[in-house]
């Protein structure tokens, strides 16, 4: 069996860095500590979490929630700082 290895870049070739952000959903009504599971299309906006359940996190939540604007803002600030 012959294995062919292709070198994608020649040594010393110029490179560049890409930040790909796709399909970002920002919720300007996001409220830390609010319900993460609700009957609305978006949660993490209002209401107290059910007993024994944690509320929405400060930076965002994995449930039916979009990210708060300050999380998106920090992502962009971090990316800009990497470029300096």
PDB file of N, CA and C in Angstrom:
ATOM      1  N   UNK A   1       0.839  -1.173   0.000  1.00  0.00           N
ATOM      2  CA  UNK A   1       0.000   0.000   0.000  1.00  0.00           C
ATOM      3  C   UNK A   1       0.888   1.241   0.000  1.00  0.00           C
ATOM      4  N   UNK A   2       0.668   2.139  -0.938  1.00  0.00           N
ATOM      5  CA  UNK A   2       1.415   3.396  -1.003  1.00  0.00           C
ATOM      6  C   UNK A   2       0.606   4.503  -0.341  1.00  0.00           C
ATOM      7  N   UNK A   3       1.249   5.218   0.554  1.00  0.00           N
ATOM      8  CA  UNK A   3       0.602   6.354   1.210  1.00  0.00           C
ATOM      9  C   UNK A   3       1.247   7.619   0.680  1.00  0.00           C
ATOM     10  N   UNK A   4       0.432   8.515   0.164  1.00  0.00           N
ATOM     11  CA  UNK A   4       0.927   9.777  -0.376  1.00  0.00           C
ATOM     12  C   UNK A   4       0.600  10.879   0.618  1.00  0.00           C
ATOM     13  N   UNK A   5       1.610  11.625   1.006  1.00  0.00           N
ATOM     14  CA  UNK A   5       1.421  12.743   1.929  1.00  0.00           C
ATOM     15  C   UNK A   5       1.631  14.027   1.145  1.00  0.00           C
ATOM     16  N   UNK A   6       0.647  14.897   1.169  1.00  0.00           N
ATOM     17  CA  UNK A   6       0.745  16.185   0.484  1.00  0.00           C
ATOM     18  C   UNK A   6       1.050  17.272   1.507  1.00  0.00           C
ATOM     19  N   UNK A   7       2.053  18.056   1.226  1.00  0.00           N
ATOM     20  CA  UNK A   7       2.381  19.166   2.100  1.00  0.00           C
ATOM     21  C   UNK A   7       1.555  20.365   1.644  1.00  0.00           C
ATOM     22  N   UNK A   8       0.736  20.897   2.539  1.00  0.00           N
ATOM     23  CA  UNK A   8      -0.158  21.991   2.184  1.00  0.00           C
ATOM     24  C   UNK A   8       0.558  23.332   2.089  1.00  0.00           C
ATOM     25  N   UNK A   9       1.521  23.557   2.949  1.00  0.00           N
ATOM     26  CA  UNK A   9       2.257  24.823   2.946  1.00  0.00           C
ATOM     27  C   UNK A   9       3.744  24.558   2.818  1.00  0.00           C
ATOM     28  N   UNK A  10       4.371  25.355   2.023  1.00  0.00           N
ATOM     29  CA  UNK A  10       5.823  25.286   1.936  1.00  0.00           C
ATOM     30  C   UNK A  10       6.396  25.976   3.164  1.00  0.00           C
ATOM     31  N   UNK A  11       7.496  25.480   3.691  1.00  0.00           N
ATOM     32  CA  UNK A  11       8.116  26.156   4.832  1.00  0.00           C
ATOM     33  C   UNK A  11       8.380  27.623   4.506  1.00  0.00           C
ATOM     34  N   UNK A  12       8.020  28.500   5.442  1.00  0.00           N
ATOM     35  CA  UNK A  12       8.227  29.933   5.245  1.00  0.00           C
ATOM     36  C   UNK A  12       7.095  30.628   4.511  1.00  0.00           C
ATOM     37  N   UNK A  13       6.070  29.886   4.096  1.00  0.00           N
ATOM     38  CA  UNK A  13       4.932  30.505   3.414  1.00  0.00           C
ATOM     39  C   UNK A  13       4.211  31.446   4.373  1.00  0.00           C
ATOM     40  N   UNK A  14       3.672  32.540   3.850  1.00  0.00           N
ATOM     41  CA  UNK A  14       2.929  33.447   4.733  1.00  0.00           C
ATOM     42  C   UNK A  14       1.649  32.772   5.239  1.00  0.00           C
ATOM     43  N   UNK A  15       1.288  33.095   6.452  1.00  0.00           N
ATOM     44  CA  UNK A  15       0.065  32.554   7.046  1.00  0.00           C
ATOM     45  C   UNK A  15      -0.785  33.709   7.562  1.00  0.00           C
ATOM     46  N   UNK A  16      -2.003  33.415   7.894  1.00  0.00           N
ATOM     47  CA  UNK A  16      -2.873  34.412   8.504  1.00  0.00           C
ATOM     48  C   UNK A  16      -3.835  33.702   9.445  1.00  0.00           C
ATOM     49  N   UNK A  17      -4.399  34.470  10.352  1.00  0.00           N
ATOM     50  CA  UNK A  17      -5.330  33.939  11.333  1.00  0.00           C
ATOM     51  C   UNK A  17      -6.723  34.443  11.007  1.00  0.00           C
ATOM     52  N   UNK A  18      -7.694  33.568  11.149  1.00  0.00           N
ATOM     53  CA  UNK A  18      -9.082  33.916  10.845  1.00  0.00           C
ATOM     54  C   UNK A  18      -9.937  33.685  12.085  1.00  0.00           C
ATOM     55  N   UNK A  19     -10.778  34.630  12.385  1.00  0.00           N
ATOM     56  CA  UNK A  19     -11.803  34.449  13.409  1.00  0.00           C
ATOM     57  C   UNK A  19     -13.125  34.322  12.675  1.00  0.00           C
ATOM     58  N   UNK A  20     -13.738  33.169  12.781  1.00  0.00           N
ATOM     59  CA  UNK A  20     -15.004  32.914  12.097  1.00  0.00           C
ATOM     60  C   UNK A  20     -16.112  32.870  13.143  1.00  0.00           C
ATOM     61  N   UNK A  21     -16.944  33.878  13.147  1.00  0.00           N
ATOM     62  CA  UNK A  21     -18.117  33.904  14.019  1.00  0.00           C
ATOM     63  C   UNK A  21     -19.328  33.667  13.135  1.00  0.00           C
ATOM     64  N   UNK A  22     -20.128  32.711  13.496  1.00  0.00           N
ATOM     65  CA  UNK A  22     -21.253  32.349  12.644  1.00  0.00           C
ATOM     66  C   UNK A  22     -22.543  32.269  13.449  1.00  0.00           C
ATOM     67  N   UNK A  23     -23.578  32.869  12.913  1.00  0.00           N
ATOM     68  CA  UNK A  23     -24.925  32.733  13.464  1.00  0.00           C
ATOM     69  C   UNK A  23     -24.997  33.130  14.935  1.00  0.00           C
ATOM     70  N   UNK A  24     -24.429  34.269  15.260  1.00  0.00           N
ATOM     71  CA  UNK A  24     -24.444  34.768  16.635  1.00  0.00           C
ATOM     72  C   UNK A  24     -25.837  35.304  16.953  1.00  0.00           C
ATOM     73  N   UNK A  25     -26.397  34.860  18.051  1.00  0.00           N
ATOM     74  CA  UNK A  25     -27.701  35.343  18.506  1.00  0.00           C
ATOM     75  C   UNK A  25     -27.495  36.081  19.818  1.00  0.00           C
ATOM     76  N   UNK A  26     -27.759  37.370  19.825  1.00  0.00           N
ATOM     77  CA  UNK A  26     -27.583  38.203  21.014  1.00  0.00           C
ATOM     78  C   UNK A  26     -28.956  38.555  21.562  1.00  0.00           C
ATOM     79  N   UNK A  27     -29.123  38.395  22.859  1.00  0.00           N
ATOM     80  CA  UNK A  27     -30.386  38.723  23.521  1.00  0.00           C
ATOM     81  C   UNK A  27     -30.165  39.936  24.419  1.00  0.00           C
ATOM     82  N   UNK A  28     -30.701  41.069  24.006  1.00  0.00           N
ATOM     83  CA  UNK A  28     -30.555  42.297  24.784  1.00  0.00           C
ATOM     84  C   UNK A  28     -31.464  42.300  26.015  1.00  0.00           C
ATOM     85  N   UNK A  29     -32.325  41.294  26.137  1.00  0.00           N
ATOM     86  CA  UNK A  29     -33.209  41.175  27.306  1.00  0.00           C
ATOM     87  C   UNK A  29     -32.750  40.065  28.255  1.00  0.00           C
ATOM     88  N   UNK A  30     -31.572  39.508  28.018  1.00  0.00           N
ATOM     89  CA  UNK A  30     -31.040  38.425  28.852  1.00  0.00           C
ATOM     90  C   UNK A  30     -30.917  38.900  30.293  1.00  0.00           C
ATOM     91  N   UNK A  31     -31.314  38.035  31.236  1.00  0.00           N
ATOM     92  CA  UNK A  31     -31.251  38.380  32.658  1.00  0.00           C
ATOM     93  C   UNK A  31     -30.584  37.242  33.429  1.00  0.00           C
ATOM     94  N   UNK A  32     -29.368  37.469  33.938  1.00  0.00           N
ATOM     95  CA  UNK A  32     -28.712  36.430  34.737  1.00  0.00           C
ATOM     96  C   UNK A  32     -29.595  36.020  35.920  1.00  0.00           C
ATOM     97  N   UNK A  33     -29.619  34.740  36.217  1.00  0.00           N
ATOM     98  CA  UNK A  33     -30.403  34.225  37.332  1.00  0.00           C
ATOM     99  C   UNK A  33     -31.841  33.892  36.978  1.00  0.00           C
ATOM    100  N   UNK A  34     -32.268  34.212  35.767  1.00  0.00           N
ATOM    101  CA  UNK A  34     -33.653  33.951  35.362  1.00  0.00           C
ATOM    102  C   UNK A  34     -33.842  32.490  34.950  1.00  0.00           C
ATOM    103  N   UNK A  35     -35.095  32.135  34.624  1.00  0.00           N
ATOM    104  CA  UNK A  35     -35.428  30.766  34.210  1.00  0.00           C
ATOM    105  C   UNK A  35     -34.680  30.380  32.941  1.00  0.00           C
ATOM    106  N   UNK A  36     -34.119  29.181  32.947  1.00  0.00           N
ATOM    107  CA  UNK A  36     -33.446  28.675  31.747  1.00  0.00           C
ATOM    108  C   UNK A  36     -34.337  27.729  30.952  1.00  0.00           C
ATOM    109  N   UNK A  37     -35.382  27.240  31.573  1.00  0.00           N
ATOM    110  CA  UNK A  37     -36.334  26.353  30.902  1.00  0.00           C
ATOM    111  C   UNK A  37     -37.722  26.957  31.055  1.00  0.00           C
ATOM    112  N   UNK A  38     -38.346  27.299  29.922  1.00  0.00           N
ATOM    113  CA  UNK A  38     -39.647  27.958  29.953  1.00  0.00           C
ATOM    114  C   UNK A  38     -40.471  27.519  28.748  1.00  0.00           C
ATOM    115  N   UNK A  39     -41.672  28.039  28.625  1.00  0.00           N
ATOM    116  CA  UNK A  39     -42.547  27.676  27.510  1.00  0.00           C
ATOM    117  C   UNK A  39     -42.457  28.666  26.356  1.00  0.00           C
ATOM    118  N   UNK A  40     -41.612  29.669  26.478  1.00  0.00           N
ATOM    119  CA  UNK A  40     -41.444  30.685  25.441  1.00  0.00           C
ATOM    120  C   UNK A  40     -40.367  30.240  24.446  1.00  0.00           C
ATOM    121  N   UNK A  41     -40.327  30.861  23.258  1.00  0.00           N
ATOM    122  CA  UNK A  41     -39.259  30.524  22.298  1.00  0.00           C
ATOM    123  C   UNK A  41     -37.862  30.804  22.853  1.00  0.00           C
ATOM    124  N   UNK A  42     -37.734  31.851  23.666  1.00  0.00           N
ATOM    125  CA  UNK A  42     -36.460  32.172  24.313  1.00  0.00           C
ATOM    126  C   UNK A  42     -36.661  32.238  25.816  1.00  0.00           C
ATOM    127  N   UNK A  43     -35.741  31.642  26.539  1.00  0.00           N
ATOM    128  CA  UNK A  43     -35.768  31.710  27.997  1.00  0.00           C
ATOM    129  C   UNK A  43     -34.645  32.646  28.448  1.00  0.00           C
ATOM    130  N   UNK A  44     -34.340  32.627  29.723  1.00  0.00           N
ATOM    131  CA  UNK A  44     -33.272  33.456  30.309  1.00  0.00           C
ATOM    132  C   UNK A  44     -33.603  34.944  30.240  1.00  0.00           C
ATOM    133  N   UNK A  45     -34.885  35.262  30.296  1.00  0.00           N
ATOM    134  CA  UNK A  45     -35.306  36.660  30.244  1.00  0.00           C
ATOM    135  C   UNK A  45     -36.055  37.089  31.499  1.00  0.00           C
ATOM    136  N   UNK A  46     -36.770  36.172  32.109  1.00  0.00           N
ATOM    137  CA  UNK A  46     -37.587  36.532  33.272  1.00  0.00           C
ATOM    138  C   UNK A  46     -37.876  35.288  34.089  1.00  0.00           C
ATOM    139  N   UNK A  47     -38.491  35.501  35.236  1.00  0.00           N
ATOM    140  CA  UNK A  47     -38.913  34.400  36.095  1.00  0.00           C
ATOM    141  C   UNK A  47     -37.791  33.827  36.934  1.00  0.00           C
ATOM    142  N   UNK A  48     -38.190  33.208  38.014  1.00  0.00           N
ATOM    143  CA  UNK A  48     -37.243  32.548  38.908  1.00  0.00           C
ATOM    144  C   UNK A  48     -37.095  31.093  38.470  1.00  0.00           C
ATOM    145  N   UNK A  49     -35.903  30.532  38.594  1.00  0.00           N
ATOM    146  CA  UNK A  49     -35.740  29.118  38.234  1.00  0.00           C
ATOM    147  C   UNK A  49     -36.526  28.224  39.195  1.00  0.00           C
ATOM    148  N   UNK A  50     -36.924  27.065  38.722  1.00  0.00           N
ATOM    149  CA  UNK A  50     -37.636  26.100  39.560  1.00  0.00           C
ATOM    150  C   UNK A  50     -36.732  25.666  40.713  1.00  0.00           C
ATOM    151  N   UNK A  51     -37.333  25.288  41.844  1.00  0.00           N
ATOM    152  CA  UNK A  51     -36.518  24.823  42.973  1.00  0.00           C
ATOM    153  C   UNK A  51     -35.572  23.694  42.536  1.00  0.00           C
ATOM    154  N   UNK A  52     -34.339  23.805  42.951  1.00  0.00           N
ATOM    155  CA  UNK A  52     -33.335  22.805  42.602  1.00  0.00           C
ATOM    156  C   UNK A  52     -32.665  23.031  41.259  1.00  0.00           C
ATOM    157  N   UNK A  53     -33.082  24.056  40.522  1.00  0.00           N
ATOM    158  CA  UNK A  53     -32.486  24.375  39.227  1.00  0.00           C
ATOM    159  C   UNK A  53     -31.710  25.685  39.331  1.00  0.00           C
ATOM    160  N   UNK A  54     -30.575  25.719  38.684  1.00  0.00           N
ATOM    161  CA  UNK A  54     -29.775  26.950  38.671  1.00  0.00           C
ATOM    162  C   UNK A  54     -30.381  27.929  37.675  1.00  0.00           C
ATOM    163  N   UNK A  55     -30.245  29.196  37.959  1.00  0.00           N
ATOM    164  CA  UNK A  55     -30.706  30.215  37.022  1.00  0.00           C
ATOM    165  C   UNK A  55     -29.694  30.411  35.904  1.00  0.00           C
ATOM    166  N   UNK A  56     -30.051  31.269  34.985  1.00  0.00           N
ATOM    167  CA  UNK A  56     -29.179  31.574  33.845  1.00  0.00           C
ATOM    168  C   UNK A  56     -27.841  32.123  34.335  1.00  0.00           C
ATOM    169  N   UNK A  57     -26.764  31.661  33.743  1.00  0.00           N
ATOM    170  CA  UNK A  57     -25.435  32.128  34.118  1.00  0.00           C
ATOM    171  C   UNK A  57     -25.168  33.547  33.635  1.00  0.00           C
ATOM    172  N   UNK A  58     -24.179  34.190  34.215  1.00  0.00           N
ATOM    173  CA  UNK A  58     -23.866  35.574  33.848  1.00  0.00           C
ATOM    174  C   UNK A  58     -23.451  35.689  32.382  1.00  0.00           C
ATOM    175  N   UNK A  59     -22.615  34.781  31.902  1.00  0.00           N
ATOM    176  CA  UNK A  59     -22.083  34.861  30.534  1.00  0.00           C
ATOM    177  C   UNK A  59     -22.971  34.183  29.500  1.00  0.00           C
ATOM    178  N   UNK A  60     -23.962  33.420  29.937  1.00  0.00           N
ATOM    179  CA  UNK A  60     -24.848  32.729  29.013  1.00  0.00           C
ATOM    180  C   UNK A  60     -25.273  31.393  29.590  1.00  0.00           C
ATOM    181  N   UNK A  61     -26.060  30.656  28.834  1.00  0.00           N
ATOM    182  CA  UNK A  61     -26.571  29.381  29.299  1.00  0.00           C
ATOM    183  C   UNK A  61     -26.785  28.454  28.108  1.00  0.00           C
ATOM    184  N   UNK A  62     -26.687  27.164  28.333  1.00  0.00           N
ATOM    185  CA  UNK A  62     -26.814  26.187  27.250  1.00  0.00           C
ATOM    186  C   UNK A  62     -28.253  25.803  26.933  1.00  0.00           C
ATOM    187  N   UNK A  63     -29.207  26.302  27.676  1.00  0.00           N
ATOM    188  CA  UNK A  63     -30.607  25.959  27.425  1.00  0.00           C
ATOM    189  C   UNK A  63     -31.153  26.815  26.278  1.00  0.00           C
ATOM    190  N   UNK A  64     -32.425  27.062  26.256  1.00  0.00           N
ATOM    191  CA  UNK A  64     -33.071  27.817  25.161  1.00  0.00           C
ATOM    192  C   UNK A  64     -32.841  29.316  25.314  1.00  0.00           C
ATOM    193  N   UNK A  65     -31.580  29.700  25.313  1.00  0.00           N
ATOM    194  CA  UNK A  65     -31.221  31.096  25.552  1.00  0.00           C
ATOM    195  C   UNK A  65     -30.199  31.557  24.515  1.00  0.00           C
ATOM    196  N   UNK A  66     -30.333  32.806  24.089  1.00  0.00           N
ATOM    197  CA  UNK A  66     -29.283  33.429  23.289  1.00  0.00           C
ATOM    198  C   UNK A  66     -28.296  34.067  24.261  1.00  0.00           C
ATOM    199  N   UNK A  67     -27.143  34.492  23.765  1.00  0.00           N
ATOM    200  CA  UNK A  67     -26.139  35.045  24.676  1.00  0.00           C
ATOM    201  C   UNK A  67     -26.439  36.511  24.989  1.00  0.00           C
ATOM    202  N   UNK A  68     -26.060  36.963  26.190  1.00  0.00           N
ATOM    203  CA  UNK A  68     -26.241  38.375  26.513  1.00  0.00           C
ATOM    204  C   UNK A  68     -25.265  39.233  25.706  1.00  0.00           C
ATOM    205  N   UNK A  69     -25.609  40.497  25.522  1.00  0.00           N
ATOM    206  CA  UNK A  69     -24.768  41.372  24.705  1.00  0.00           C
ATOM    207  C   UNK A  69     -23.363  41.501  25.265  1.00  0.00           C
ATOM    208  N   UNK A  70     -23.211  41.467  26.602  1.00  0.00           N
ATOM    209  CA  UNK A  70     -21.874  41.642  27.186  1.00  0.00           C
ATOM    210  C   UNK A  70     -20.966  40.453  26.865  1.00  0.00           C
ATOM    211  N   UNK A  71     -21.517  39.283  26.644  1.00  0.00           N
ATOM    212  CA  UNK A  71     -20.699  38.139  26.239  1.00  0.00           C
ATOM    213  C   UNK A  71     -20.176  38.345  24.825  1.00  0.00           C
ATOM    214  N   UNK A  72     -21.050  38.778  23.924  1.00  0.00           N
ATOM    215  CA  UNK A  72     -20.619  39.060  22.550  1.00  0.00           C
ATOM    216  C   UNK A  72     -19.573  40.168  22.538  1.00  0.00           C
ATOM    217  N   UNK A  73     -19.780  41.172  23.363  1.00  0.00           N
ATOM    218  CA  UNK A  73     -18.838  42.291  23.451  1.00  0.00           C
ATOM    219  C   UNK A  73     -17.463  41.807  23.915  1.00  0.00           C
ATOM    220  N   UNK A  74     -17.430  40.951  24.929  1.00  0.00           N
ATOM    221  CA  UNK A  74     -16.156  40.422  25.442  1.00  0.00           C
ATOM    222  C   UNK A  74     -15.457  39.532  24.414  1.00  0.00           C
ATOM    223  N   UNK A  75     -16.227  38.769  23.640  1.00  0.00           N
ATOM    224  CA  UNK A  75     -15.633  37.940  22.584  1.00  0.00           C
ATOM    225  C   UNK A  75     -14.891  38.823  21.593  1.00  0.00           C
ATOM    226  N   UNK A  76     -15.527  39.911  21.174  1.00  0.00           N
ATOM    227  CA  UNK A  76     -14.899  40.817  20.206  1.00  0.00           C
ATOM    228  C   UNK A  76     -13.706  41.550  20.813  1.00  0.00           C
ATOM    229  N   UNK A  77     -13.806  41.938  22.077  1.00  0.00           N
ATOM    230  CA  UNK A  77     -12.673  42.590  22.745  1.00  0.00           C
ATOM    231  C   UNK A  77     -11.490  41.632  22.843  1.00  0.00           C
ATOM    232  N   UNK A  78     -11.760  40.387  23.170  1.00  0.00           N
ATOM    233  CA  UNK A  78     -10.703  39.382  23.263  1.00  0.00           C
ATOM    234  C   UNK A  78     -10.042  39.163  21.906  1.00  0.00           C
ATOM    235  N   UNK A  79     -10.850  39.057  20.865  1.00  0.00           N
ATOM    236  CA  UNK A  79     -10.308  38.861  19.516  1.00  0.00           C
ATOM    237  C   UNK A  79      -9.450  40.051  19.107  1.00  0.00           C
ATOM    238  N   UNK A  80      -9.900  41.254  19.415  1.00  0.00           N
ATOM    239  CA  UNK A  80      -9.129  42.455  19.082  1.00  0.00           C
ATOM    240  C   UNK A  80      -7.804  42.480  19.844  1.00  0.00           C
ATOM    241  N   UNK A  81      -7.818  42.053  21.098  1.00  0.00           N
ATOM    242  CA  UNK A  81      -6.592  42.034  21.903  1.00  0.00           C
ATOM    243  C   UNK A  81      -5.586  41.025  21.350  1.00  0.00           C
ATOM    244  N   UNK A  82      -6.059  39.928  20.785  1.00  0.00           N
ATOM    245  CA  UNK A  82      -5.157  38.939  20.192  1.00  0.00           C
ATOM    246  C   UNK A  82      -4.432  39.493  18.977  1.00  0.00           C
ATOM    247  N   UNK A  83      -5.048  40.432  18.297  1.00  0.00           N
ATOM    248  CA  UNK A  83      -4.462  41.012  17.092  1.00  0.00           C
ATOM    249  C   UNK A  83      -3.381  42.038  17.394  1.00  0.00           C
ATOM    250  N   UNK A  84      -3.297  42.509  18.623  1.00  0.00           N
ATOM    251  CA  UNK A  84      -2.306  43.544  18.970  1.00  0.00           C
ATOM    252  C   UNK A  84      -0.939  42.956  19.177  1.00  0.00           C
TER     253      UNK A  84
END
